[in-house]
């Protein structure tokens, strides 16, 4: 698991990428992914990122047009990311996200 904090500029495309080490035999074939951003871990989901899985890589994406739609008061958010299949669930990342409002990208 990787702990990493990010800045998310509202209205800008945002991606988080996790890769299986090249010397590992593991692949992500048969896995799905989920990554959610919330104000706190026990509160409602603000953003759910779209997963794209390749052989040894998963990319979670939030399109800028989605973040531009949200009128958020809090700028301090948290996220976690998992890969899972029928038999395993693996937390691949957690951290904090600082939302930077970009006033030109929303009403």
N, C-alpha and C. Protein backbone atom coordinates (compact mmCIF):
# COMPACT_ATOMS: atom_id res chain seq x y z
N UNK A 1 0.83 -1.17 0.00
CA UNK A 1 0.00 0.00 0.00
C UNK A 1 0.88 1.24 0.00
N UNK A 2 0.43 2.24 -0.73
CA UNK A 2 1.17 3.49 -0.85
C UNK A 2 0.37 4.60 -0.18
N UNK A 3 1.03 5.35 0.71
CA UNK A 3 0.39 6.52 1.30
C UNK A 3 0.96 7.74 0.59
N UNK A 4 0.06 8.50 -0.03
CA UNK A 4 0.52 9.67 -0.79
C UNK A 4 -0.55 10.74 -0.73
N UNK A 5 -0.14 11.98 -0.54
CA UNK A 5 -1.05 13.11 -0.53
C UNK A 5 -0.95 13.85 -1.85
N UNK A 6 -2.09 14.42 -2.30
CA UNK A 6 -2.15 15.08 -3.60
C UNK A 6 -2.83 16.43 -3.48
N UNK A 7 -2.61 17.27 -4.50
CA UNK A 7 -3.42 18.46 -4.73
C UNK A 7 -4.29 18.19 -5.94
N UNK A 8 -5.56 18.51 -5.82
CA UNK A 8 -6.51 18.36 -6.92
C UNK A 8 -6.99 19.75 -7.30
N UNK A 9 -6.63 20.20 -8.49
CA UNK A 9 -7.07 21.51 -8.97
C UNK A 9 -8.43 21.33 -9.62
N UNK A 10 -9.43 21.98 -9.03
CA UNK A 10 -10.79 21.84 -9.49
C UNK A 10 -10.88 22.23 -10.97
N UNK A 11 -11.48 21.35 -11.77
CA UNK A 11 -11.62 21.59 -13.20
C UNK A 11 -10.50 21.00 -14.04
N UNK A 12 -9.51 20.41 -13.43
CA UNK A 12 -8.38 19.81 -14.15
C UNK A 12 -8.47 18.29 -14.05
N UNK A 13 -8.16 17.58 -15.13
CA UNK A 13 -8.13 16.12 -15.08
C UNK A 13 -7.12 15.69 -14.02
N UNK A 14 -7.47 14.61 -13.31
CA UNK A 14 -6.66 14.13 -12.19
C UNK A 14 -6.53 12.62 -12.31
N UNK A 15 -5.31 12.10 -12.12
CA UNK A 15 -5.06 10.67 -12.22
C UNK A 15 -4.15 10.19 -11.10
N UNK A 16 -4.47 8.98 -10.63
CA UNK A 16 -3.60 8.28 -9.69
C UNK A 16 -3.26 6.95 -10.35
N UNK A 17 -1.97 6.63 -10.42
CA UNK A 17 -1.52 5.40 -11.08
C UNK A 17 -0.78 4.53 -10.07
N UNK A 18 -1.15 3.25 -10.05
CA UNK A 18 -0.45 2.25 -9.24
C UNK A 18 0.06 1.18 -10.18
N UNK A 19 1.31 0.76 -9.97
CA UNK A 19 1.92 -0.27 -10.82
C UNK A 19 2.45 -1.41 -9.97
N UNK A 20 2.26 -2.61 -10.49
CA UNK A 20 2.85 -3.80 -9.87
C UNK A 20 4.35 -3.75 -10.20
N UNK A 21 5.22 -4.00 -9.23
CA UNK A 21 6.66 -3.99 -9.52
C UNK A 21 7.01 -4.92 -10.69
N UNK A 22 7.92 -4.50 -11.52
CA UNK A 22 8.27 -5.26 -12.72
C UNK A 22 8.85 -6.64 -12.39
N UNK A 23 9.45 -6.80 -11.22
CA UNK A 23 10.02 -8.09 -10.87
C UNK A 23 9.00 -9.04 -10.21
N UNK A 24 7.74 -8.59 -10.12
CA UNK A 24 6.68 -9.42 -9.55
C UNK A 24 5.97 -10.22 -10.64
N UNK A 25 5.54 -11.44 -10.29
CA UNK A 25 4.77 -12.26 -11.23
C UNK A 25 3.30 -11.86 -11.28
N UNK A 26 2.88 -11.03 -10.35
CA UNK A 26 1.46 -10.64 -10.27
C UNK A 26 1.05 -9.79 -11.46
N UNK A 27 -0.15 -10.05 -11.96
CA UNK A 27 -0.77 -9.17 -12.95
C UNK A 27 -2.13 -8.76 -12.39
N UNK A 28 -2.73 -7.77 -13.00
CA UNK A 28 -4.03 -7.28 -12.55
C UNK A 28 -5.17 -7.87 -13.38
N UNK A 29 -4.86 -8.87 -14.20
CA UNK A 29 -5.91 -9.54 -14.98
C UNK A 29 -6.93 -10.14 -14.02
N UNK A 30 -8.20 -9.88 -14.25
CA UNK A 30 -9.25 -10.40 -13.40
C UNK A 30 -9.58 -9.52 -12.21
N UNK A 31 -8.84 -8.45 -12.02
CA UNK A 31 -9.11 -7.53 -10.91
C UNK A 31 -9.99 -6.37 -11.39
N UNK A 32 -10.68 -5.78 -10.45
CA UNK A 32 -11.40 -4.53 -10.65
C UNK A 32 -10.80 -3.53 -9.69
N UNK A 33 -11.13 -2.26 -9.88
CA UNK A 33 -10.60 -1.24 -9.00
C UNK A 33 -11.67 -0.28 -8.54
N UNK A 34 -11.44 0.33 -7.38
CA UNK A 34 -12.34 1.36 -6.86
C UNK A 34 -11.51 2.38 -6.09
N UNK A 35 -11.80 3.65 -6.34
CA UNK A 35 -11.13 4.74 -5.63
C UNK A 35 -12.17 5.83 -5.38
N UNK A 36 -12.32 6.21 -4.12
CA UNK A 36 -13.33 7.20 -3.75
C UNK A 36 -12.70 8.30 -2.92
N UNK A 37 -13.22 9.51 -3.13
CA UNK A 37 -12.78 10.68 -2.39
C UNK A 37 -13.95 11.15 -1.53
N UNK A 38 -13.66 11.42 -0.27
CA UNK A 38 -14.67 11.86 0.70
C UNK A 38 -14.09 12.99 1.55
N UNK A 39 -14.97 13.66 2.31
CA UNK A 39 -14.47 14.65 3.26
C UNK A 39 -13.77 13.94 4.42
N UNK A 40 -14.41 12.89 4.92
CA UNK A 40 -13.83 12.02 5.94
C UNK A 40 -14.15 10.59 5.54
N UNK A 41 -13.41 9.64 6.08
CA UNK A 41 -13.58 8.25 5.65
C UNK A 41 -14.97 7.69 5.91
N UNK A 42 -15.71 8.26 6.86
CA UNK A 42 -17.03 7.75 7.19
C UNK A 42 -18.17 8.62 6.65
N UNK A 43 -17.86 9.51 5.71
CA UNK A 43 -18.88 10.39 5.14
C UNK A 43 -19.17 10.02 3.69
N UNK A 44 -20.14 10.69 3.12
CA UNK A 44 -20.60 10.39 1.76
C UNK A 44 -19.49 10.60 0.73
N UNK A 45 -19.57 9.84 -0.34
CA UNK A 45 -18.61 9.93 -1.45
C UNK A 45 -18.84 11.26 -2.18
N UNK A 46 -17.75 11.97 -2.42
CA UNK A 46 -17.80 13.22 -3.19
C UNK A 46 -17.46 12.92 -4.65
N UNK A 47 -16.39 12.15 -4.86
CA UNK A 47 -15.98 11.75 -6.20
C UNK A 47 -15.65 10.27 -6.20
N UNK A 48 -16.03 9.57 -7.28
CA UNK A 48 -15.59 8.21 -7.50
C UNK A 48 -14.79 8.21 -8.80
N UNK A 49 -13.54 7.81 -8.72
CA UNK A 49 -12.67 7.85 -9.89
C UNK A 49 -12.89 6.63 -10.76
N UNK A 50 -12.71 6.80 -12.06
CA UNK A 50 -12.89 5.72 -13.03
C UNK A 50 -11.62 4.89 -13.14
N UNK A 51 -11.71 3.56 -12.94
CA UNK A 51 -10.52 2.71 -13.03
C UNK A 51 -10.28 2.22 -14.46
N UNK A 52 -9.03 2.19 -14.86
CA UNK A 52 -8.61 1.56 -16.11
C UNK A 52 -7.49 0.60 -15.75
N UNK A 53 -7.72 -0.69 -16.05
CA UNK A 53 -6.75 -1.71 -15.65
C UNK A 53 -6.03 -2.25 -16.87
N UNK A 54 -4.71 -2.27 -16.76
CA UNK A 54 -3.85 -2.91 -17.75
C UNK A 54 -3.16 -4.07 -17.05
N UNK A 55 -2.26 -4.73 -17.72
CA UNK A 55 -1.61 -5.93 -17.21
C UNK A 55 -1.03 -5.75 -15.81
N UNK A 56 -0.21 -4.72 -15.61
CA UNK A 56 0.45 -4.49 -14.32
C UNK A 56 0.23 -3.07 -13.81
N UNK A 57 -0.84 -2.44 -14.28
CA UNK A 57 -1.07 -1.04 -13.91
C UNK A 57 -2.56 -0.77 -13.79
N UNK A 58 -2.91 0.04 -12.79
CA UNK A 58 -4.27 0.55 -12.70
C UNK A 58 -4.19 2.07 -12.61
N UNK A 59 -5.02 2.73 -13.40
CA UNK A 59 -5.10 4.18 -13.39
C UNK A 59 -6.50 4.57 -12.95
N UNK A 60 -6.58 5.42 -11.94
CA UNK A 60 -7.85 5.97 -11.50
C UNK A 60 -7.93 7.41 -12.01
N UNK A 61 -9.04 7.76 -12.68
CA UNK A 61 -9.16 9.06 -13.32
C UNK A 61 -10.40 9.80 -12.86
N UNK A 62 -10.23 11.09 -12.61
CA UNK A 62 -11.35 12.00 -12.37
C UNK A 62 -11.26 13.09 -13.43
N UNK A 63 -12.28 13.18 -14.26
CA UNK A 63 -12.27 14.20 -15.31
C UNK A 63 -12.50 15.58 -14.71
N UNK A 64 -11.84 16.56 -15.30
CA UNK A 64 -11.94 17.93 -14.81
C UNK A 64 -13.36 18.46 -14.81
N UNK A 65 -14.15 18.06 -15.79
CA UNK A 65 -15.53 18.56 -15.85
C UNK A 65 -16.35 18.06 -14.66
N UNK A 66 -15.98 16.90 -14.10
CA UNK A 66 -16.69 16.38 -12.92
C UNK A 66 -16.33 17.19 -11.67
N UNK A 67 -15.05 17.49 -11.49
CA UNK A 67 -14.66 18.25 -10.29
C UNK A 67 -15.11 19.71 -10.41
N UNK A 68 -15.22 20.24 -11.63
CA UNK A 68 -15.66 21.62 -11.82
C UNK A 68 -17.13 21.81 -11.43
N UNK A 69 -17.92 20.74 -11.52
CA UNK A 69 -19.35 20.82 -11.19
C UNK A 69 -19.60 20.98 -9.70
N UNK A 70 -18.69 20.51 -8.88
CA UNK A 70 -18.91 20.48 -7.43
C UNK A 70 -18.59 21.84 -6.80
N UNK A 71 -19.49 22.29 -5.98
CA UNK A 71 -19.27 23.50 -5.20
C UNK A 71 -18.98 23.06 -3.77
N UNK A 72 -17.72 22.85 -3.46
CA UNK A 72 -17.33 22.29 -2.17
C UNK A 72 -16.84 23.36 -1.22
N UNK A 73 -17.29 23.25 0.02
CA UNK A 73 -16.82 24.17 1.06
C UNK A 73 -15.47 23.70 1.59
N UNK A 74 -15.38 22.40 1.86
CA UNK A 74 -14.15 21.85 2.42
C UNK A 74 -13.09 21.68 1.33
N UNK A 75 -11.88 22.02 1.66
CA UNK A 75 -10.78 21.81 0.73
C UNK A 75 -9.89 20.66 1.18
N UNK A 76 -10.19 20.06 2.32
CA UNK A 76 -9.40 18.95 2.84
C UNK A 76 -10.20 17.66 2.72
N UNK A 77 -9.73 16.77 1.88
CA UNK A 77 -10.44 15.53 1.58
C UNK A 77 -9.52 14.34 1.81
N UNK A 78 -10.09 13.13 1.81
CA UNK A 78 -9.31 11.90 1.93
C UNK A 78 -9.73 10.94 0.82
N UNK A 79 -8.85 10.01 0.49
CA UNK A 79 -9.18 9.00 -0.52
C UNK A 79 -8.59 7.66 -0.10
N UNK A 80 -9.16 6.61 -0.68
CA UNK A 80 -8.51 5.30 -0.63
C UNK A 80 -8.80 4.59 -1.94
N UNK A 81 -7.93 3.65 -2.27
CA UNK A 81 -8.02 2.92 -3.53
C UNK A 81 -7.78 1.44 -3.27
N UNK A 82 -8.59 0.62 -3.93
CA UNK A 82 -8.50 -0.84 -3.78
C UNK A 82 -8.49 -1.50 -5.15
N UNK A 83 -7.86 -2.67 -5.21
CA UNK A 83 -8.09 -3.60 -6.31
C UNK A 83 -8.73 -4.84 -5.67
N UNK A 84 -9.60 -5.50 -6.44
CA UNK A 84 -10.28 -6.66 -5.86
C UNK A 84 -10.73 -7.60 -6.97
N UNK A 85 -10.92 -8.86 -6.58
CA UNK A 85 -11.53 -9.86 -7.45
C UNK A 85 -12.38 -10.75 -6.56
N UNK A 86 -12.77 -11.91 -7.04
CA UNK A 86 -13.66 -12.78 -6.27
C UNK A 86 -13.04 -13.29 -4.96
N UNK A 87 -11.73 -13.35 -4.89
CA UNK A 87 -11.08 -13.93 -3.71
C UNK A 87 -10.20 -12.98 -2.92
N UNK A 88 -9.82 -11.84 -3.48
CA UNK A 88 -8.89 -10.93 -2.82
C UNK A 88 -9.39 -9.49 -2.87
N UNK A 89 -9.04 -8.75 -1.83
CA UNK A 89 -9.25 -7.30 -1.79
C UNK A 89 -7.96 -6.70 -1.25
N UNK A 90 -7.34 -5.80 -2.03
CA UNK A 90 -6.05 -5.24 -1.65
C UNK A 90 -6.14 -3.73 -1.67
N UNK A 91 -5.86 -3.10 -0.52
CA UNK A 91 -5.81 -1.64 -0.48
C UNK A 91 -4.47 -1.23 -1.09
N UNK A 92 -4.53 -0.45 -2.18
CA UNK A 92 -3.30 -0.06 -2.86
C UNK A 92 -2.86 1.35 -2.51
N UNK A 93 -3.77 2.18 -1.99
CA UNK A 93 -3.36 3.53 -1.66
C UNK A 93 -4.34 4.26 -0.77
N UNK A 94 -3.81 5.18 0.02
CA UNK A 94 -4.59 6.08 0.86
C UNK A 94 -3.88 7.41 0.94
N UNK A 95 -4.62 8.43 1.35
CA UNK A 95 -3.97 9.71 1.58
C UNK A 95 -4.96 10.85 1.67
N UNK A 96 -4.40 12.04 1.69
CA UNK A 96 -5.18 13.27 1.77
C UNK A 96 -5.13 13.96 0.42
N UNK A 97 -6.20 14.67 0.12
CA UNK A 97 -6.26 15.48 -1.09
C UNK A 97 -6.64 16.89 -0.69
N UNK A 98 -5.85 17.85 -1.13
CA UNK A 98 -6.18 19.26 -0.94
C UNK A 98 -6.81 19.75 -2.23
N UNK A 99 -8.08 20.18 -2.13
CA UNK A 99 -8.79 20.69 -3.29
C UNK A 99 -8.44 22.16 -3.47
N UNK A 100 -7.93 22.49 -4.64
CA UNK A 100 -7.57 23.88 -4.98
C UNK A 100 -8.67 24.41 -5.89
N UNK A 101 -9.50 25.35 -5.40
CA UNK A 101 -10.56 25.87 -6.27
C UNK A 101 -9.97 26.75 -7.37
N UNK A 102 -10.37 26.45 -8.58
CA UNK A 102 -9.95 27.26 -9.73
C UNK A 102 -11.19 27.95 -10.25
N UNK A 103 -11.33 29.22 -9.91
CA UNK A 103 -12.59 29.92 -10.09
C UNK A 103 -13.01 30.09 -11.54
N UNK A 104 -12.12 29.99 -12.49
CA UNK A 104 -12.49 30.13 -13.90
C UNK A 104 -13.18 28.89 -14.44
N UNK A 105 -13.10 27.76 -13.73
CA UNK A 105 -13.62 26.50 -14.25
C UNK A 105 -15.05 26.19 -13.78
N UNK A 106 -15.67 27.05 -12.98
CA UNK A 106 -17.03 26.79 -12.56
C UNK A 106 -17.77 28.11 -12.39
N UNK A 107 -19.07 28.04 -12.19
CA UNK A 107 -19.93 29.22 -12.10
C UNK A 107 -19.71 29.97 -10.82
